[in-house]
């Protein structure tokens, strides 16, 4: 599986990138949060949401060949 991971706001600054492409093997359900925290240890101490293909979730449940993962910092709206 190929994923484009997009980092936003302070998380992009901390990652020193706004986007990266990663490949990983898909097997059953994957906890994306754990995967990203292992790949980027700085995320363990951050508050963030994950969107997979524009849906807020931490779980990857289907085996599409290509996905987009957005790593979103806390935000406020009005």
C-alpha atoms as a PDB file:
ATOM      1  CA  UNK A   1       0.000   0.000   0.000  1.00  0.00           C
ATOM      2  CA  UNK A   2       1.184   3.513  -0.785  1.00  0.00           C
ATOM      3  CA  UNK A   3       0.179   6.413   1.444  1.00  0.00           C
ATOM      4  CA  UNK A   4       0.725  10.128   1.080  1.00  0.00           C
ATOM      5  CA  UNK A   5       1.058  11.507   4.611  1.00  0.00           C
ATOM      6  CA  UNK A   6       0.377  15.234   4.919  1.00  0.00           C
ATOM      7  CA  UNK A   7       1.416  17.123   8.047  1.00  0.00           C
ATOM      8  CA  UNK A   8      -0.208  20.443   8.936  1.00  0.00           C
ATOM      9  CA  UNK A   9       0.609  23.409  11.161  1.00  0.00           C
ATOM     10  CA  UNK A  10       3.041  22.876  14.011  1.00  0.00           C
ATOM     11  CA  UNK A  11       3.204  19.166  13.212  1.00  0.00           C
ATOM     12  CA  UNK A  12       4.665  19.954   9.784  1.00  0.00           C
ATOM     13  CA  UNK A  13       7.243  22.182  11.449  1.00  0.00           C
ATOM     14  CA  UNK A  14       8.135  19.466  13.942  1.00  0.00           C
ATOM     15  CA  UNK A  15       8.350  16.822  11.179  1.00  0.00           C
ATOM     16  CA  UNK A  16      10.410  19.235   9.052  1.00  0.00           C
ATOM     17  CA  UNK A  17       8.215  18.377   6.090  1.00  0.00           C
ATOM     18  CA  UNK A  18       4.681  18.938   4.948  1.00  0.00           C
ATOM     19  CA  UNK A  19       4.277  15.692   3.021  1.00  0.00           C
ATOM     20  CA  UNK A  20       5.878  12.295   2.564  1.00  0.00           C
ATOM     21  CA  UNK A  21       5.114   9.145   0.633  1.00  0.00           C
ATOM     22  CA  UNK A  22       5.391   5.853   2.472  1.00  0.00           C
ATOM     23  CA  UNK A  23       4.888   2.233   1.540  1.00  0.00           C
ATOM     24  CA  UNK A  24       3.800  -0.464   3.942  1.00  0.00           C
ATOM     25  CA  UNK A  25       2.266  -3.914   3.825  1.00  0.00           C
ATOM     26  CA  UNK A  26      -1.424  -4.066   4.542  1.00  0.00           C
ATOM     27  CA  UNK A  27      -2.586  -6.889   6.752  1.00  0.00           C
ATOM     28  CA  UNK A  28      -5.964  -6.728   8.442  1.00  0.00           C
ATOM     29  CA  UNK A  29      -6.787  -3.581  10.387  1.00  0.00           C
ATOM     30  CA  UNK A  30      -3.906  -1.176  11.015  1.00  0.00           C
ATOM     31  CA  UNK A  31      -3.802   1.387  13.821  1.00  0.00           C
ATOM     32  CA  UNK A  32      -2.488   4.374  11.870  1.00  0.00           C
ATOM     33  CA  UNK A  33      -1.824   6.418  15.036  1.00  0.00           C
ATOM     34  CA  UNK A  34       0.557   3.758  16.403  1.00  0.00           C
ATOM     35  CA  UNK A  35       2.185   3.386  12.989  1.00  0.00           C
ATOM     36  CA  UNK A  36       2.793   7.149  12.697  1.00  0.00           C
ATOM     37  CA  UNK A  37       4.046   7.459  16.293  1.00  0.00           C
ATOM     38  CA  UNK A  38       6.573   4.671  15.704  1.00  0.00           C
ATOM     39  CA  UNK A  39       7.699   6.348  12.482  1.00  0.00           C
ATOM     40  CA  UNK A  40       7.766   9.860  14.025  1.00  0.00           C
ATOM     41  CA  UNK A  41       8.427   9.603  17.790  1.00  0.00           C
ATOM     42  CA  UNK A  42       7.756  13.326  18.327  1.00  0.00           C
ATOM     43  CA  UNK A  43       4.054  12.588  17.699  1.00  0.00           C
ATOM     44  CA  UNK A  44       3.833  10.593  20.950  1.00  0.00           C
ATOM     45  CA  UNK A  45       3.852  13.874  22.903  1.00  0.00           C
ATOM     46  CA  UNK A  46       1.485  15.742  20.575  1.00  0.00           C
ATOM     47  CA  UNK A  47      -2.264  16.120  20.386  1.00  0.00           C
ATOM     48  CA  UNK A  48      -3.469  15.444  16.856  1.00  0.00           C
ATOM     49  CA  UNK A  49      -6.260  14.012  14.757  1.00  0.00           C
ATOM     50  CA  UNK A  50      -5.874  11.741  11.753  1.00  0.00           C
ATOM     51  CA  UNK A  51      -7.957  11.861   8.614  1.00  0.00           C
ATOM     52  CA  UNK A  52      -7.790   8.990   6.153  1.00  0.00           C
ATOM     53  CA  UNK A  53      -9.153   9.896   2.750  1.00  0.00           C
ATOM     54  CA  UNK A  54     -10.918  12.925   4.318  1.00  0.00           C
ATOM     55  CA  UNK A  55     -12.532  10.980   7.187  1.00  0.00           C
ATOM     56  CA  UNK A  56     -11.413  11.463  10.801  1.00  0.00           C
ATOM     57  CA  UNK A  57     -10.313   8.021  12.042  1.00  0.00           C
ATOM     58  CA  UNK A  58      -7.304   6.165  13.470  1.00  0.00           C
ATOM     59  CA  UNK A  59      -8.150   2.862  11.803  1.00  0.00           C
ATOM     60  CA  UNK A  60      -7.358   1.756   8.292  1.00  0.00           C
ATOM     61  CA  UNK A  61      -9.887  -0.917   7.419  1.00  0.00           C
ATOM     62  CA  UNK A  62      -9.781  -1.488   3.703  1.00  0.00           C
ATOM     63  CA  UNK A  63      -6.959  -2.531   1.482  1.00  0.00           C
ATOM     64  CA  UNK A  64      -6.972   0.189  -1.148  1.00  0.00           C
ATOM     65  CA  UNK A  65      -3.727   0.507  -3.037  1.00  0.00           C
ATOM     66  CA  UNK A  66      -3.378   4.258  -2.391  1.00  0.00           C
ATOM     67  CA  UNK A  67      -4.555   6.393   0.531  1.00  0.00           C
ATOM     68  CA  UNK A  68      -4.093   9.917   1.822  1.00  0.00           C
ATOM     69  CA  UNK A  69      -3.403  10.432   5.518  1.00  0.00           C
ATOM     70  CA  UNK A  70      -3.677  13.911   7.028  1.00  0.00           C
ATOM     71  CA  UNK A  71      -2.067  14.557  10.415  1.00  0.00           C
ATOM     72  CA  UNK A  72      -3.963  17.501  11.897  1.00  0.00           C
ATOM     73  CA  UNK A  73      -2.974  19.621  14.900  1.00  0.00           C
ATOM     74  CA  UNK A  74      -5.614  20.959  17.294  1.00  0.00           C
ATOM     75  CA  UNK A  75      -7.597  23.766  15.764  1.00  0.00           C
ATOM     76  CA  UNK A  76     -10.399  26.064  16.769  1.00  0.00           C
ATOM     77  CA  UNK A  77     -13.126  27.584  14.699  1.00  0.00           C
ATOM     78  CA  UNK A  78     -15.778  30.080  15.145  1.00  0.00           C
END
